[in-house]
PDB file of N, CA and C in Angstrom:
ATOM      1  N   MET A   1    -130.695 141.599  64.368  1.00  0.00           N
ATOM      2  CA  MET A   1    -130.398 142.135  65.694  1.00  0.00           C
ATOM      3  C   MET A   1    -129.633 141.033  66.409  1.00  0.00           C
ATOM      4  N   GLY A   2    -129.887 139.840  66.281  1.00  0.00           N
ATOM      5  CA  GLY A   2    -129.222 138.785  66.948  1.00  0.00           C
ATOM      6  C   GLY A   2    -129.564 138.500  68.365  1.00  0.00           C
ATOM      7  N   ARG A   3    -130.726 139.077  68.647  1.00  0.00           N
ATOM      8  CA  ARG A   3    -131.110 138.872  70.160  1.00  0.00           C
ATOM      9  C   ARG A   3    -132.065 137.762  70.283  1.00  0.00           C
ATOM     10  N   GLN A   4    -132.103 137.171  71.567  1.00  0.00           N
ATOM     11  CA  GLN A   4    -133.144 136.177  71.781  1.00  0.00           C
ATOM     12  C   GLN A   4    -134.234 136.623  72.717  1.00  0.00           C
ATOM     13  N   ARG A   5    -134.170 137.926  73.042  1.00  0.00           N
ATOM     14  CA  ARG A   5    -135.235 138.414  73.929  1.00  0.00           C
ATOM     15  C   ARG A   5    -136.286 139.159  73.050  1.00  0.00           C
ATOM     16  N   PRO A   6    -137.468 139.351  73.630  1.00  0.00           N
ATOM     17  CA  PRO A   6    -138.585 140.118  72.871  1.00  0.00           C
ATOM     18  C   PRO A   6    -138.105 141.397  72.431  1.00  0.00           C
ATOM     19  N   ALA A   7    -138.574 141.753  71.149  1.00  0.00           N
ATOM     20  CA  ALA A   7    -138.345 143.158  70.677  1.00  0.00           C
ATOM     21  C   ALA A   7    -139.579 143.498  69.841  1.00  0.00           C
ATOM     22  N   SER A   8    -139.928 144.751  70.006  1.00  0.00           N
ATOM     23  CA  SER A   8    -141.105 145.249  69.396  1.00  0.00           C
ATOM     24  C   SER A   8    -140.751 145.795  68.045  1.00  0.00           C
ATOM     25  N   VAL A   9    -141.606 146.079  67.174  1.00  0.00           N
ATOM     26  CA  VAL A   9    -141.380 146.774  65.958  1.00  0.00           C
ATOM     27  C   VAL A   9    -140.629 148.063  66.107  1.00  0.00           C
ATOM     28  N   GLY A  10    -141.004 148.807  67.235  1.00  0.00           N
ATOM     29  CA  GLY A  10    -140.358 149.974  67.575  1.00  0.00           C
ATOM     30  C   GLY A  10    -138.875 149.843  67.924  1.00  0.00           C
ATOM     31  N   ASP A  11    -138.639 148.696  68.641  1.00  0.00           N
ATOM     32  CA  ASP A  11    -137.259 148.333  68.975  1.00  0.00           C
ATOM     33  C   ASP A  11    -136.402 148.006  67.724  1.00  0.00           C
ATOM     34  N   VAL A  12    -136.924 147.288  66.885  1.00  0.00           N
ATOM     35  CA  VAL A  12    -136.198 146.906  65.693  1.00  0.00           C
ATOM     36  C   VAL A  12    -136.068 148.058  64.797  1.00  0.00           C
ATOM     37  N   LEU A  13    -137.045 148.981  64.751  1.00  0.00           N
ATOM     38  CA  LEU A  13    -136.936 150.050  63.905  1.00  0.00           C
ATOM     39  C   LEU A  13    -135.881 151.085  64.378  1.00  0.00           C
ATOM     40  N   GLU A  14    -135.850 151.197  65.687  1.00  0.00           N
ATOM     41  CA  GLU A  14    -134.876 152.055  66.262  1.00  0.00           C
ATOM     42  C   GLU A  14    -133.405 151.586  65.972  1.00  0.00           C
ATOM     43  N   HIS A  15    -133.279 150.279  66.114  1.00  0.00           N
ATOM     44  CA  HIS A  15    -131.942 149.650  65.835  1.00  0.00           C
ATOM     45  C   HIS A  15    -131.551 149.862  64.431  1.00  0.00           C
ATOM     46  N   LEU A  16    -132.433 149.558  63.475  1.00  0.00           N
ATOM     47  CA  LEU A  16    -132.095 149.688  62.018  1.00  0.00           C
ATOM     48  C   LEU A  16    -131.990 151.117  61.637  1.00  0.00           C
ATOM     49  N   GLN A  17    -132.548 152.040  62.128  1.00  0.00           N
ATOM     50  CA  GLN A  17    -132.533 153.457  61.673  1.00  0.00           C
ATOM     51  C   GLN A  17    -131.273 154.046  62.052  1.00  0.00           C
ATOM     52  N   LYS A  18    -130.452 153.404  62.688  1.00  0.00           N
ATOM     53  CA  LYS A  18    -128.980 153.832  62.962  1.00  0.00           C
ATOM     54  C   LYS A  18    -128.153 153.968  61.621  1.00  0.00           C
ATOM     55  N   ASP A  19    -128.551 152.997  60.788  1.00  0.00           N
ATOM     56  CA  ASP A  19    -127.929 152.888  59.431  1.00  0.00           C
ATOM     57  C   ASP A  19    -128.734 153.827  58.332  1.00  0.00           C
ATOM     58  N   ARG A  20    -129.997 153.653  58.297  1.00  0.00           N
ATOM     59  CA  ARG A  20    -130.765 154.381  57.338  1.00  0.00           C
ATOM     60  C   ARG A  20    -132.136 154.560  57.697  1.00  0.00           C
ATOM     61  N   PRO A  21    -132.814 155.500  57.219  1.00  0.00           N
ATOM     62  CA  PRO A  21    -134.384 155.672  57.489  1.00  0.00           C
ATOM     63  C   PRO A  21    -135.174 154.619  56.977  1.00  0.00           C
ATOM     64  N   LEU A  22    -136.151 154.141  57.832  1.00  0.00           N
ATOM     65  CA  LEU A  22    -137.096 153.060  57.274  1.00  0.00           C
ATOM     66  C   LEU A  22    -138.466 153.414  57.830  1.00  0.00           C
ATOM     67  N   ALA A  23    -139.455 153.032  57.128  1.00  0.00           N
ATOM     68  CA  ALA A  23    -140.876 153.148  57.547  1.00  0.00           C
ATOM     69  C   ALA A  23    -141.202 152.080  58.564  1.00  0.00           C
ATOM     70  N   PRO A  24    -141.960 152.477  59.469  1.00  0.00           N
ATOM     71  CA  PRO A  24    -142.442 151.408  60.460  1.00  0.00           C
ATOM     72  C   PRO A  24    -143.173 150.227  59.698  1.00  0.00           C
ATOM     73  N   THR A  25    -143.957 150.566  58.808  1.00  0.00           N
ATOM     74  CA  THR A  25    -144.774 149.574  57.998  1.00  0.00           C
ATOM     75  C   THR A  25    -143.810 148.604  57.288  1.00  0.00           C
ATOM     76  N   THR A  26    -142.634 149.000  56.862  1.00  0.00           N
ATOM     77  CA  THR A  26    -141.582 148.146  56.137  1.00  0.00           C
ATOM     78  C   THR A  26    -141.129 147.169  57.255  1.00  0.00           C
ATOM     79  N   VAL A  27    -140.834 147.558  58.403  1.00  0.00           N
ATOM     80  CA  VAL A  27    -140.332 146.628  59.455  1.00  0.00           C
ATOM     81  C   VAL A  27    -141.444 145.695  59.818  1.00  0.00           C
ATOM     82  N   MET A  28    -142.683 146.246  59.990  1.00  0.00           N
ATOM     83  CA  MET A  28    -143.809 145.263  60.324  1.00  0.00           C
ATOM     84  C   MET A  28    -144.017 144.191  59.307  1.00  0.00           C
ATOM     85  N   THR A  29    -143.904 144.566  58.088  1.00  0.00           N
ATOM     86  CA  THR A  29    -144.016 143.677  56.831  1.00  0.00           C
ATOM     87  C   THR A  29    -143.010 142.548  56.928  1.00  0.00           C
ATOM     88  N   VAL A  30    -141.758 143.056  57.104  1.00  0.00           N
ATOM     89  CA  VAL A  30    -140.669 142.043  57.294  1.00  0.00           C
ATOM     90  C   VAL A  30    -140.839 141.138  58.343  1.00  0.00           C
ATOM     91  N   MET A  31    -141.186 141.632  59.515  1.00  0.00           N
ATOM     92  CA  MET A  31    -141.388 140.802  60.729  1.00  0.00           C
ATOM     93  C   MET A  31    -142.477 139.862  60.507  1.00  0.00           C
ATOM     94  N   ASP A  32    -143.561 140.362  59.854  1.00  0.00           N
ATOM     95  CA  ASP A  32    -144.689 139.399  59.572  1.00  0.00           C
ATOM     96  C   ASP A  32    -144.235 138.298  58.746  1.00  0.00           C
ATOM     97  N   LYS A  33    -143.551 138.559  57.706  1.00  0.00           N
ATOM     98  CA  LYS A  33    -143.042 137.466  56.671  1.00  0.00           C
ATOM     99  C   LYS A  33    -142.223 136.496  57.511  1.00  0.00           C
ATOM    100  N   LEU A  34    -141.296 136.965  58.368  1.00  0.00           N
ATOM    101  CA  LEU A  34    -140.496 136.137  59.259  1.00  0.00           C
ATOM    102  C   LEU A  34    -141.245 135.265  60.105  1.00  0.00           C
ATOM    103  N   HIS A  35    -142.295 135.830  60.641  1.00  0.00           N
ATOM    104  CA  HIS A  35    -143.229 135.031  61.381  1.00  0.00           C
ATOM    105  C   HIS A  35    -144.039 133.972  60.687  1.00  0.00           C
ATOM    106  N   THR A  36    -144.391 134.320  59.467  1.00  0.00           N
ATOM    107  CA  THR A  36    -145.045 133.383  58.656  1.00  0.00           C
ATOM    108  C   THR A  36    -144.166 132.150  58.231  1.00  0.00           C
ATOM    109  N   LYS A  37    -142.927 132.393  58.168  1.00  0.00           N
ATOM    110  CA  LYS A  37    -141.906 131.327  57.747  1.00  0.00           C
ATOM    111  C   LYS A  37    -141.420 130.615  58.997  1.00  0.00           C
ATOM    112  N   GLY A  38    -141.878 131.032  60.223  1.00  0.00           N
ATOM    113  CA  GLY A  38    -141.535 130.254  61.324  1.00  0.00           C
ATOM    114  C   GLY A  38    -140.255 130.727  61.989  1.00  0.00           C
ATOM    115  N   LEU A  39    -139.688 131.886  61.543  1.00  0.00           N
ATOM    116  CA  LEU A  39    -138.374 132.366  61.906  1.00  0.00           C
ATOM    117  C   LEU A  39    -138.498 133.329  63.008  1.00  0.00           C
ATOM    118  N   LEU A  40    -139.730 133.772  63.436  1.00  0.00           N
ATOM    119  CA  LEU A  40    -139.928 134.746  64.322  1.00  0.00           C
ATOM    120  C   LEU A  40    -141.231 134.363  65.168  1.00  0.00           C
ATOM    121  N   LYS A  41    -141.115 134.500  66.491  1.00  0.00           N
ATOM    122  CA  LYS A  41    -142.368 134.177  67.226  1.00  0.00           C
ATOM    123  C   LYS A  41    -142.996 135.474  67.725  1.00  0.00           C
ATOM    124  N   ARG A  42    -144.280 135.423  67.768  1.00  0.00           N
ATOM    125  CA  ARG A  42    -145.016 136.548  68.337  1.00  0.00           C
ATOM    126  C   ARG A  42    -145.467 136.236  69.722  1.00  0.00           C
ATOM    127  N   ARG A  43    -145.551 137.281  70.513  1.00  0.00           N
ATOM    128  CA  ARG A  43    -146.077 137.234  71.827  1.00  0.00           C
ATOM    129  C   ARG A  43    -147.319 138.136  71.931  1.00  0.00           C
ATOM    130  N   PRO A  44    -148.437 137.648  72.313  1.00  0.00           N
ATOM    131  CA  PRO A  44    -149.630 138.418  72.462  1.00  0.00           C
ATOM    132  C   PRO A  44    -149.503 139.675  73.466  1.00  0.00           C
ATOM    133  N   ARG A  45    -150.005 140.750  72.980  1.00  0.00           N
ATOM    134  CA  ARG A  45    -149.881 141.990  73.753  1.00  0.00           C
ATOM    135  C   ARG A  45    -151.040 142.163  74.498  1.00  0.00           C
ATOM    136  N   ARG A  46    -150.902 142.990  75.660  1.00  0.00           N
ATOM    137  CA  ARG A  46    -152.106 143.310  76.440  1.00  0.00           C
ATOM    138  C   ARG A  46    -152.834 144.265  75.574  1.00  0.00           C
ATOM    139  N   PRO A  47    -154.235 144.135  75.749  1.00  0.00           N
ATOM    140  CA  PRO A  47    -155.001 145.190  74.873  1.00  0.00           C
ATOM    141  C   PRO A  47    -154.811 146.534  75.484  1.00  0.00           C
ATOM    142  N   ARG A  48    -154.715 147.462  74.638  1.00  0.00           N
ATOM    143  CA  ARG A  48    -154.630 148.964  75.056  1.00  0.00           C
ATOM    144  C   ARG A  48    -155.982 149.519  75.243  1.00  0.00           C
ATOM    145  N   LEU A  49    -156.044 150.331  76.142  1.00  0.00           N
ATOM    146  CA  LEU A  49    -157.347 151.114  76.413  1.00  0.00           C
ATOM    147  C   LEU A  49    -157.241 152.429  75.712  1.00  0.00           C
ATOM    148  N   HIS A  50    -158.189 152.626  74.802  1.00  0.00           N
ATOM    149  CA  HIS A  50    -158.240 153.954  74.013  1.00  0.00           C
ATOM    150  C   HIS A  50    -159.426 154.609  74.550  1.00  0.00           C
ATOM    151  N   LEU A  51    -159.283 155.869  74.962  1.00  0.00           N
ATOM    152  CA  LEU A  51    -160.194 156.757  75.462  1.00  0.00           C
ATOM    153  C   LEU A  51    -160.610 157.718  74.570  1.00  0.00           C
TER     154      LEU A  51
END
């Protein structure tokens, strides 16, 4: 994507699906591998309230 601003899995998925369909789990896996290698930073999310 080439951005320096925060992007969620959904943001990345939306961008990539313009070219071809992808499963959200595929994007999450790749992003996790990038984070493990130090190429992607994670930002803690606020906890969601499930009723």
